[in-house]
Amino acid sequence: MTHVGIILIVNLYYTYIVKCNDDTLYTGITNNLHKRVLDHNTSKRGAKYTLKRRPVVLVYWEEYNNRSEAQKREACIKKLSRVEKIELIKKTQTSIKI
């Protein structure tokens, strides 16, 4: 008996918010959430904004099927006030204290 398998590779993108050491919030997108947060904390490849605000902690993320959707959401989140961002984080990530 022969089995034919289908391999589905899904390249997800993430819109995310990290909380910086100075209590500010940074919003970005990536296709590798773990690596991107690690980069923010350890390498020169992290955003210039977070470079001097280490360490950062991931406090929020959303998954998208493509880069375009993630970028659109990033733009929307960046337009929010700090209070609105904190409310967004609290609604979805109840275990994280801001």
PDB file of N, CA and C in Angstrom:
ATOM      1  N   MET A   1       0.850  -1.172   0.000  1.00  0.00           N
ATOM      2  CA  MET A   1       0.000   0.000   0.000  1.00  0.00           C
ATOM      3  C   MET A   1       0.895   1.234   0.000  1.00  0.00           C
ATOM      4  N   THR A   2       0.630   2.137  -0.904  1.00  0.00           N
ATOM      5  CA  THR A   2       1.423   3.353  -1.025  1.00  0.00           C
ATOM      6  C   THR A   2       0.620   4.539  -0.507  1.00  0.00           C
ATOM      7  N   HIS A   3       1.291   5.354   0.275  1.00  0.00           N
ATOM      8  CA  HIS A   3       0.660   6.572   0.790  1.00  0.00           C
ATOM      9  C   HIS A   3       1.308   7.771   0.126  1.00  0.00           C
ATOM     10  N   VAL A   4       0.495   8.618  -0.390  1.00  0.00           N
ATOM     11  CA  VAL A   4       0.992   9.858  -0.970  1.00  0.00           C
ATOM     12  C   VAL A   4       0.664  10.970   0.013  1.00  0.00           C
ATOM     13  N   GLY A   5       1.689  11.642   0.449  1.00  0.00           N
ATOM     14  CA  GLY A   5       1.476  12.725   1.407  1.00  0.00           C
ATOM     15  C   GLY A   5       1.585  14.079   0.735  1.00  0.00           C
ATOM     16  N   ILE A   6       0.896  14.999   1.279  1.00  0.00           N
ATOM     17  CA  ILE A   6       0.978  16.373   0.815  1.00  0.00           C
ATOM     18  C   ILE A   6       1.650  17.177   1.912  1.00  0.00           C
ATOM     19  N   ILE A   7       2.697  17.834   1.535  1.00  0.00           N
ATOM     20  CA  ILE A   7       3.395  18.684   2.492  1.00  0.00           C
ATOM     21  C   ILE A   7       2.943  20.116   2.249  1.00  0.00           C
ATOM     22  N   LEU A   8       2.402  20.706   3.255  1.00  0.00           N
ATOM     23  CA  LEU A   8       1.926  22.073   3.164  1.00  0.00           C
ATOM     24  C   LEU A   8       2.858  22.954   3.986  1.00  0.00           C
ATOM     25  N   ILE A   9       3.505  23.855   3.316  1.00  0.00           N
ATOM     26  CA  ILE A   9       4.390  24.778   4.012  1.00  0.00           C
ATOM     27  C   ILE A   9       3.654  26.106   4.141  1.00  0.00           C
ATOM     28  N   VAL A  10       3.435  26.500   5.358  1.00  0.00           N
ATOM     29  CA  VAL A  10       2.737  27.746   5.616  1.00  0.00           C
ATOM     30  C   VAL A  10       3.754  28.753   6.129  1.00  0.00           C
ATOM     31  N   ASN A  11       3.862  29.835   5.428  1.00  0.00           N
ATOM     32  CA  ASN A  11       4.777  30.884   5.844  1.00  0.00           C
ATOM     33  C   ASN A  11       3.959  31.980   6.511  1.00  0.00           C
ATOM     34  N   LEU A  12       3.826  31.888   7.799  1.00  0.00           N
ATOM     35  CA  LEU A  12       3.038  32.857   8.545  1.00  0.00           C
ATOM     36  C   LEU A  12       3.846  34.113   8.831  1.00  0.00           C
ATOM     37  N   TYR A  13       3.139  35.198   8.953  1.00  0.00           N
ATOM     38  CA  TYR A  13       3.743  36.457   9.372  1.00  0.00           C
ATOM     39  C   TYR A  13       3.061  36.895  10.654  1.00  0.00           C
ATOM     40  N   TYR A  14       3.788  37.640  11.448  1.00  0.00           N
ATOM     41  CA  TYR A  14       3.290  38.076  12.744  1.00  0.00           C
ATOM     42  C   TYR A  14       3.416  39.586  12.868  1.00  0.00           C
ATOM     43  N   THR A  15       2.384  40.199  13.387  1.00  0.00           N
ATOM     44  CA  THR A  15       2.459  41.578  13.855  1.00  0.00           C
ATOM     45  C   THR A  15       2.610  41.450  15.362  1.00  0.00           C
ATOM     46  N   TYR A  16       3.573  42.154  15.923  1.00  0.00           N
ATOM     47  CA  TYR A  16       3.864  41.956  17.343  1.00  0.00           C
ATOM     48  C   TYR A  16       4.136  43.275  18.046  1.00  0.00           C
ATOM     49  N   ILE A  17       4.017  43.229  19.366  1.00  0.00           N
ATOM     50  CA  ILE A  17       4.381  44.359  20.222  1.00  0.00           C
ATOM     51  C   ILE A  17       5.317  43.828  21.295  1.00  0.00           C
ATOM     52  N   VAL A  18       6.424  44.533  21.490  1.00  0.00           N
ATOM     53  CA  VAL A  18       7.311  44.220  22.605  1.00  0.00           C
ATOM     54  C   VAL A  18       7.305  45.404  23.566  1.00  0.00           C
ATOM     55  N   LYS A  19       7.459  45.081  24.831  1.00  0.00           N
ATOM     56  CA  LYS A  19       7.595  46.109  25.861  1.00  0.00           C
ATOM     57  C   LYS A  19       9.082  46.275  26.125  1.00  0.00           C
ATOM     58  N   CYS A  20       9.559  47.494  26.001  1.00  0.00           N
ATOM     59  CA  CYS A  20      10.984  47.779  26.179  1.00  0.00           C
ATOM     60  C   CYS A  20      11.305  48.031  27.649  1.00  0.00           C
ATOM     61  N   ASN A  21      12.593  48.003  27.955  1.00  0.00           N
ATOM     62  CA  ASN A  21      13.071  48.191  29.318  1.00  0.00           C
ATOM     63  C   ASN A  21      12.657  49.550  29.892  1.00  0.00           C
ATOM     64  N   ASP A  22      12.487  50.560  29.040  1.00  0.00           N
ATOM     65  CA  ASP A  22      12.083  51.889  29.513  1.00  0.00           C
ATOM     66  C   ASP A  22      10.559  52.045  29.546  1.00  0.00           C
ATOM     67  N   ASP A  23       9.846  50.931  29.416  1.00  0.00           N
ATOM     68  CA  ASP A  23       8.383  50.877  29.503  1.00  0.00           C
ATOM     69  C   ASP A  23       7.675  51.356  28.238  1.00  0.00           C
ATOM     70  N   THR A  24       8.405  51.617  27.162  1.00  0.00           N
ATOM     71  CA  THR A  24       7.766  51.984  25.902  1.00  0.00           C
ATOM     72  C   THR A  24       7.369  50.719  25.155  1.00  0.00           C
ATOM     73  N   LEU A  25       6.523  50.888  24.152  1.00  0.00           N
ATOM     74  CA  LEU A  25       6.050  49.763  23.349  1.00  0.00           C
ATOM     75  C   LEU A  25       6.545  49.921  21.919  1.00  0.00           C
ATOM     76  N   TYR A  26       7.021  48.827  21.346  1.00  0.00           N
ATOM     77  CA  TYR A  26       7.500  48.825  19.961  1.00  0.00           C
ATOM     78  C   TYR A  26       6.673  47.821  19.170  1.00  0.00           C
ATOM     79  N   THR A  27       6.208  48.216  17.998  1.00  0.00           N
ATOM     80  CA  THR A  27       5.401  47.354  17.136  1.00  0.00           C
ATOM     81  C   THR A  27       6.170  47.031  15.866  1.00  0.00           C
ATOM     82  N   GLY A  28       6.127  45.762  15.445  1.00  0.00           N
ATOM     83  CA  GLY A  28       6.808  45.360  14.222  1.00  0.00           C
ATOM     84  C   GLY A  28       6.150  44.150  13.591  1.00  0.00           C
ATOM     85  N   ILE A  29       6.758  43.669  12.489  1.00  0.00           N
ATOM     86  CA  ILE A  29       6.293  42.443  11.838  1.00  0.00           C
ATOM     87  C   ILE A  29       7.486  41.532  11.585  1.00  0.00           C
ATOM     88  N   THR A  30       7.198  40.243  11.467  1.00  0.00           N
ATOM     89  CA  THR A  30       8.240  39.256  11.205  1.00  0.00           C
ATOM     90  C   THR A  30       7.600  37.969  10.706  1.00  0.00           C
ATOM     91  N   ASN A  31       8.414  37.102  10.122  1.00  0.00           N
ATOM     92  CA  ASN A  31       7.928  35.762   9.776  1.00  0.00           C
ATOM     93  C   ASN A  31       8.535  34.715  10.707  1.00  0.00           C
ATOM     94  N   ASN A  32       9.304  35.165  11.699  1.00  0.00           N
ATOM     95  CA  ASN A  32       9.901  34.270  12.687  1.00  0.00           C
ATOM     96  C   ASN A  32       9.899  35.001  14.026  1.00  0.00           C
ATOM     97  N   LEU A  33       8.839  34.845  14.762  1.00  0.00           N
ATOM     98  CA  LEU A  33       8.626  35.606  15.987  1.00  0.00           C
ATOM     99  C   LEU A  33       9.715  35.369  17.026  1.00  0.00           C
ATOM    100  N   HIS A  34      10.045  34.118  17.266  1.00  0.00           N
ATOM    101  CA  HIS A  34      11.065  33.794  18.266  1.00  0.00           C
ATOM    102  C   HIS A  34      12.405  34.444  17.908  1.00  0.00           C
ATOM    103  N   LYS A  35      12.819  34.282  16.662  1.00  0.00           N
ATOM    104  CA  LYS A  35      14.104  34.834  16.222  1.00  0.00           C
ATOM    105  C   LYS A  35      14.107  36.358  16.291  1.00  0.00           C
ATOM    106  N   ARG A  36      12.994  36.972  15.925  1.00  0.00           N
ATOM    107  CA  ARG A  36      12.942  38.432  15.916  1.00  0.00           C
ATOM    108  C   ARG A  36      13.065  39.003  17.321  1.00  0.00           C
ATOM    109  N   VAL A  37      12.385  38.417  18.282  1.00  0.00           N
ATOM    110  CA  VAL A  37      12.499  38.889  19.666  1.00  0.00           C
ATOM    111  C   VAL A  37      13.922  38.663  20.168  1.00  0.00           C
ATOM    112  N   LEU A  38      14.497  37.526  19.820  1.00  0.00           N
ATOM    113  CA  LEU A  38      15.889  37.255  20.180  1.00  0.00           C
ATOM    114  C   LEU A  38      16.813  38.306  19.564  1.00  0.00           C
ATOM    115  N   ASP A  39      16.588  38.643  18.300  1.00  0.00           N
ATOM    116  CA  ASP A  39      17.385  39.685  17.642  1.00  0.00           C
ATOM    117  C   ASP A  39      17.250  41.027  18.356  1.00  0.00           C
ATOM    118  N   HIS A  40      16.038  41.373  18.754  1.00  0.00           N
ATOM    119  CA  HIS A  40      15.836  42.637  19.478  1.00  0.00           C
ATOM    120  C   HIS A  40      16.679  42.670  20.751  1.00  0.00           C
ATOM    121  N   ASN A  41      16.855  41.520  21.371  1.00  0.00           N
ATOM    122  CA  ASN A  41      17.557  41.470  22.651  1.00  0.00           C
ATOM    123  C   ASN A  41      19.052  41.210  22.559  1.00  0.00           C
ATOM    124  N   THR A  42      19.521  40.657  21.451  1.00  0.00           N
ATOM    125  CA  THR A  42      20.919  40.212  21.441  1.00  0.00           C
ATOM    126  C   THR A  42      21.770  40.687  20.280  1.00  0.00           C
ATOM    127  N   SER A  43      21.179  41.131  19.204  1.00  0.00           N
ATOM    128  CA  SER A  43      22.011  41.425  18.038  1.00  0.00           C
ATOM    129  C   SER A  43      21.826  42.849  17.551  1.00  0.00           C
ATOM    130  N   LYS A  44      22.648  43.214  16.599  1.00  0.00           N
ATOM    131  CA  LYS A  44      22.546  44.531  15.981  1.00  0.00           C
ATOM    132  C   LYS A  44      21.456  44.551  14.917  1.00  0.00           C
ATOM    133  N   ARG A  45      20.859  43.382  14.644  1.00  0.00           N
ATOM    134  CA  ARG A  45      19.796  43.298  13.642  1.00  0.00           C
ATOM    135  C   ARG A  45      18.436  43.687  14.196  1.00  0.00           C
ATOM    136  N   GLY A  46      18.350  43.883  15.489  1.00  0.00           N
ATOM    137  CA  GLY A  46      17.102  44.361  16.060  1.00  0.00           C
ATOM    138  C   GLY A  46      16.879  45.804  15.625  1.00  0.00           C
ATOM    139  N   ALA A  47      15.698  46.309  15.808  1.00  0.00           N
ATOM    140  CA  ALA A  47      15.392  47.682  15.419  1.00  0.00           C
ATOM    141  C   ALA A  47      16.256  48.674  16.192  1.00  0.00           C
ATOM    142  N   LYS A  48      16.606  49.767  15.537  1.00  0.00           N
ATOM    143  CA  LYS A  48      17.396  50.810  16.202  1.00  0.00           C
ATOM    144  C   LYS A  48      16.687  51.292  17.464  1.00  0.00           C
ATOM    145  N   TYR A  49      15.364  51.376  17.393  1.00  0.00           N
ATOM    146  CA  TYR A  49      14.591  51.856  18.539  1.00  0.00           C
ATOM    147  C   TYR A  49      14.826  50.994  19.775  1.00  0.00           C
ATOM    148  N   THR A  50      14.855  49.678  19.595  1.00  0.00           N
ATOM    149  CA  THR A  50      14.967  48.782  20.753  1.00  0.00           C
ATOM    150  C   THR A  50      16.412  48.549  21.182  1.00  0.00           C
ATOM    151  N   LEU A  51      17.363  48.933  20.357  1.00  0.00           N
ATOM    152  CA  LEU A  51      18.775  48.661  20.631  1.00  0.00           C
ATOM    153  C   LEU A  51      19.216  49.180  21.994  1.00  0.00           C
ATOM    154  N   LYS A  52      18.780  50.374  22.359  1.00  0.00           N
ATOM    155  CA  LYS A  52      19.179  50.974  23.640  1.00  0.00           C
ATOM    156  C   LYS A  52      18.093  50.843  24.699  1.00  0.00           C
ATOM    157  N   ARG A  53      17.111  50.026  24.413  1.00  0.00           N
ATOM    158  CA  ARG A  53      15.996  49.847  25.348  1.00  0.00           C
ATOM    159  C   ARG A  53      15.835  48.386  25.747  1.00  0.00           C
ATOM    160  N   ARG A  54      16.911  47.668  25.748  1.00  0.00           N
ATOM    161  CA  ARG A  54      16.902  46.246  26.092  1.00  0.00           C
ATOM    162  C   ARG A  54      16.856  46.057  27.598  1.00  0.00           C
ATOM    163  N   PRO A  55      16.348  44.941  28.046  1.00  0.00           N
ATOM    164  CA  PRO A  55      15.741  43.881  27.258  1.00  0.00           C
ATOM    165  C   PRO A  55      14.307  44.235  26.875  1.00  0.00           C
ATOM    166  N   VAL A  56      13.822  43.558  25.845  1.00  0.00           N
ATOM    167  CA  VAL A  56      12.420  43.703  25.454  1.00  0.00           C
ATOM    168  C   VAL A  56      11.702  42.399  25.769  1.00  0.00           C
ATOM    169  N   VAL A  57      10.402  42.508  26.005  1.00  0.00           N
ATOM    170  CA  VAL A  57       9.575  41.342  26.317  1.00  0.00           C
ATOM    171  C   VAL A  57       8.394  41.326  25.350  1.00  0.00           C
ATOM    172  N   LEU A  58       8.161  40.195  24.728  1.00  0.00           N
ATOM    173  CA  LEU A  58       7.023  40.046  23.830  1.00  0.00           C
ATOM    174  C   LEU A  58       5.739  40.077  24.650  1.00  0.00           C
ATOM    175  N   VAL A  59       4.844  41.020  24.330  1.00  0.00           N
ATOM    176  CA  VAL A  59       3.597  41.138  25.087  1.00  0.00           C
ATOM    177  C   VAL A  59       2.351  40.920  24.237  1.00  0.00           C
ATOM    178  N   TYR A  60       2.521  40.882  22.904  1.00  0.00           N
ATOM    179  CA  TYR A  60       1.349  40.748  22.036  1.00  0.00           C
ATOM    180  C   TYR A  60       1.780  40.301  20.647  1.00  0.00           C
ATOM    181  N   TRP A  61       0.953  39.458  20.019  1.00  0.00           N
ATOM    182  CA  TRP A  61       1.198  39.095  18.625  1.00  0.00           C
ATOM    183  C   TRP A  61      -0.084  38.622  17.971  1.00  0.00           C
ATOM    184  N   GLU A  62      -0.120  38.764  16.655  1.00  0.00           N
ATOM    185  CA  GLU A  62      -1.214  38.271  15.824  1.00  0.00           C
ATOM    186  C   GLU A  62      -0.594  37.548  14.638  1.00  0.00           C
ATOM    187  N   GLU A  63      -1.231  36.483  14.155  1.00  0.00           N
ATOM    188  CA  GLU A  63      -0.756  35.711  12.992  1.00  0.00           C
ATOM    189  C   GLU A  63      -1.477  36.141  11.729  1.00  0.00           C
ATOM    190  N   TYR A  64      -0.724  36.187  10.625  1.00  0.00           N
ATOM    191  CA  TYR A  64      -1.303  36.496   9.315  1.00  0.00           C
ATOM    192  C   TYR A  64      -0.742  35.554   8.269  1.00  0.00           C
ATOM    193  N   ASN A  65      -1.511  35.338   7.219  1.00  0.00           N
ATOM    194  CA  ASN A  65      -1.100  34.422   6.151  1.00  0.00           C
ATOM    195  C   ASN A  65      -0.124  35.028   5.164  1.00  0.00           C
ATOM    196  N   ASN A  66       0.005  36.353   5.169  1.00  0.00           N
ATOM    197  CA  ASN A  66       0.966  36.973   4.260  1.00  0.00           C
ATOM    198  C   ASN A  66       1.495  38.280   4.837  1.00  0.00           C
ATOM    199  N   ARG A  67       2.592  38.726   4.255  1.00  0.00           N
ATOM    200  CA  ARG A  67       3.282  39.925   4.729  1.00  0.00           C
ATOM    201  C   ARG A  67       2.398  41.172   4.611  1.00  0.00           C
ATOM    202  N   SER A  68       1.664  41.263   3.531  1.00  0.00           N
ATOM    203  CA  SER A  68       0.826  42.436   3.287  1.00  0.00           C
ATOM    204  C   SER A  68      -0.199  42.648   4.403  1.00  0.00           C
ATOM    205  N   GLU A  69      -0.862  41.577   4.812  1.00  0.00           N
ATOM    206  CA  GLU A  69      -1.848  41.672   5.898  1.00  0.00           C
ATOM    207  C   GLU A  69      -1.176  42.095   7.196  1.00  0.00           C
ATOM    208  N   ALA A  70      -0.009  41.522   7.469  1.00  0.00           N
ATOM    209  CA  ALA A  70       0.718  41.861   8.693  1.00  0.00           C
ATOM    210  C   ALA A  70       1.143  43.330   8.685  1.00  0.00           C
ATOM    211  N   GLN A  71       1.582  43.828   7.534  1.00  0.00           N
ATOM    212  CA  GLN A  71       1.994  45.229   7.429  1.00  0.00           C
ATOM    213  C   GLN A  71       0.816  46.180   7.620  1.00  0.00           C
ATOM    214  N   LYS A  72      -0.325  45.811   7.076  1.00  0.00           N
ATOM    215  CA  LYS A  72      -1.516  46.650   7.244  1.00  0.00           C
ATOM    216  C   LYS A  72      -1.901  46.737   8.716  1.00  0.00           C
ATOM    217  N   ARG A  73      -1.855  45.607   9.390  1.00  0.00           N
ATOM    218  CA  ARG A  73      -2.200  45.595  10.818  1.00  0.00           C
ATOM    219  C   ARG A  73      -1.167  46.364  11.635  1.00  0.00           C
ATOM    220  N   GLU A  74       0.110  46.223  11.274  1.00  0.00           N
ATOM    221  CA  GLU A  74       1.163  46.973  11.957  1.00  0.00           C
ATOM    222  C   GLU A  74       0.881  48.472  11.860  1.00  0.00           C
ATOM    223  N   ALA A  75       0.529  48.939  10.672  1.00  0.00           N
ATOM    224  CA  ALA A  75       0.232  50.359  10.474  1.00  0.00           C
ATOM    225  C   ALA A  75      -0.939  50.803  11.348  1.00  0.00           C
ATOM    226  N   CYS A  76      -1.965  49.969  11.455  1.00  0.00           N
ATOM    227  CA  CYS A  76      -3.124  50.291  12.306  1.00  0.00           C
ATOM    228  C   CYS A  76      -2.725  50.388  13.772  1.00  0.00           C
ATOM    229  N   ILE A  77      -1.943  49.425  14.224  1.00  0.00           N
ATOM    230  CA  ILE A  77      -1.524  49.414  15.631  1.00  0.00           C
ATOM    231  C   ILE A  77      -0.643  50.616  15.935  1.00  0.00           C
ATOM    232  N   LYS A  78       0.245  50.969  15.022  1.00  0.00           N
ATOM    233  CA  LYS A  78       1.138  52.109  15.251  1.00  0.00           C
ATOM    234  C   LYS A  78       0.371  53.421  15.373  1.00  0.00           C
ATOM    235  N   LYS A  79      -0.824  53.486  14.818  1.00  0.00           N
ATOM    236  CA  LYS A  79      -1.655  54.691  14.925  1.00  0.00           C
ATOM    237  C   LYS A  79      -2.380  54.784  16.265  1.00  0.00           C
ATOM    238  N   LEU A  80      -2.437  53.683  16.995  1.00  0.00           N
ATOM    239  CA  LEU A  80      -3.119  53.677  18.287  1.00  0.00           C
ATOM    240  C   LEU A  80      -2.317  54.451  19.327  1.00  0.00           C
ATOM    241  N   SER A  81      -3.014  55.008  20.289  1.00  0.00           N
ATOM    242  CA  SER A  81      -2.335  55.642  21.422  1.00  0.00           C
ATOM    243  C   SER A  81      -1.761  54.549  22.327  1.00  0.00           C
ATOM    244  N   ARG A  82      -0.910  54.941  23.226  1.00  0.00           N
ATOM    245  CA  ARG A  82      -0.342  53.980  24.177  1.00  0.00           C
ATOM    246  C   ARG A  82      -1.456  53.299  24.981  1.00  0.00           C
ATOM    247  N   VAL A  83      -2.417  54.080  25.425  1.00  0.00           N
ATOM    248  CA  VAL A  83      -3.538  53.532  26.203  1.00  0.00           C
ATOM    249  C   VAL A  83      -4.296  52.492  25.380  1.00  0.00           C
ATOM    250  N   GLU A  84      -4.544  52.791  24.121  1.00  0.00           N
ATOM    251  CA  GLU A  84      -5.256  51.847  23.255  1.00  0.00           C
ATOM    252  C   GLU A  84      -4.440  50.573  23.026  1.00  0.00           C
ATOM    253  N   LYS A  85      -3.130  50.710  22.889  1.00  0.00           N
ATOM    254  CA  LYS A  85      -2.271  49.529  22.724  1.00  0.00           C
ATOM    255  C   LYS A  85      -2.309  48.659  23.977  1.00  0.00           C
ATOM    256  N   ILE A  86      -2.261  49.288  25.125  1.00  0.00           N
ATOM    257  CA  ILE A  86      -2.313  48.530  26.381  1.00  0.00           C
ATOM    258  C   ILE A  86      -3.649  47.804  26.513  1.00  0.00           C
ATOM    259  N   GLU A  87      -4.733  48.447  26.127  1.00  0.00           N
ATOM    260  CA  GLU A  87      -6.047  47.789  26.155  1.00  0.00           C
ATOM    261  C   GLU A  87      -6.082  46.592  25.207  1.00  0.00           C
ATOM    262  N   LEU A  88      -5.506  46.749  24.029  1.00  0.00           N
ATOM    263  CA  LEU A  88      -5.422  45.648  23.070  1.00  0.00           C
ATOM    264  C   LEU A  88      -4.656  44.476  23.675  1.00  0.00           C
ATOM    265  N   ILE A  89      -3.538  44.771  24.298  1.00  0.00           N
ATOM    266  CA  ILE A  89      -2.717  43.731  24.926  1.00  0.00           C
ATOM    267  C   ILE A  89      -3.494  43.044  26.047  1.00  0.00           C
ATOM    268  N   LYS A  90      -4.129  43.822  26.884  1.00  0.00           N
ATOM    269  CA  LYS A  90      -4.875  43.256  28.020  1.00  0.00           C
ATOM    270  C   LYS A  90      -6.036  42.374  27.575  1.00  0.00           C
ATOM    271  N   LYS A  91      -6.695  42.728  26.487  1.00  0.00           N
ATOM    272  CA  LYS A  91      -7.835  41.949  26.000  1.00  0.00           C
ATOM    273  C   LYS A  91      -7.430  40.564  25.521  1.00  0.00           C
ATOM    274  N   THR A  92      -6.245  40.449  24.990  1.00  0.00           N
ATOM    275  CA  THR A  92      -5.857  39.194  24.345  1.00  0.00           C
ATOM    276  C   THR A  92      -4.812  38.396  25.097  1.00  0.00           C
ATOM    277  N   GLN A  93      -4.043  39.033  25.911  1.00  0.00           N
ATOM    278  CA  GLN A  93      -2.964  38.351  26.629  1.00  0.00           C
ATOM    279  C   GLN A  93      -3.130  38.609  28.122  1.00  0.00           C
ATOM    280  N   THR A  94      -4.143  38.049  28.702  1.00  0.00           N
ATOM    281  CA  THR A  94      -4.497  38.367  30.081  1.00  0.00           C
ATOM    282  C   THR A  94      -3.450  37.965  31.106  1.00  0.00           C
ATOM    283  N   SER A  95      -2.527  37.098  30.739  1.00  0.00           N
ATOM    284  CA  SER A  95      -1.532  36.661  31.716  1.00  0.00           C
ATOM    285  C   SER A  95      -0.333  37.602  31.800  1.00  0.00           C
ATOM    286  N   ILE A  96      -0.274  38.600  30.939  1.00  0.00           N
ATOM    287  CA  ILE A  96       0.866  39.510  30.914  1.00  0.00           C
ATOM    288  C   ILE A  96       0.486  40.811  31.605  1.00  0.00           C
ATOM    289  N   LYS A  97       1.318  41.243  32.529  1.00  0.00           N
ATOM    290  CA  LYS A  97       1.058  42.493  33.234  1.00  0.00           C
ATOM    291  C   LYS A  97       1.814  43.622  32.548  1.00  0.00           C
ATOM    292  N   ILE A  98       1.104  44.689  32.272  1.00  0.00           N
ATOM    293  CA  ILE A  98       1.704  45.871  31.632  1.00  0.00           C
ATOM    294  C   ILE A  98       1.738  47.003  32.639  1.00  0.00           C
TER     295      ILE A  98
END
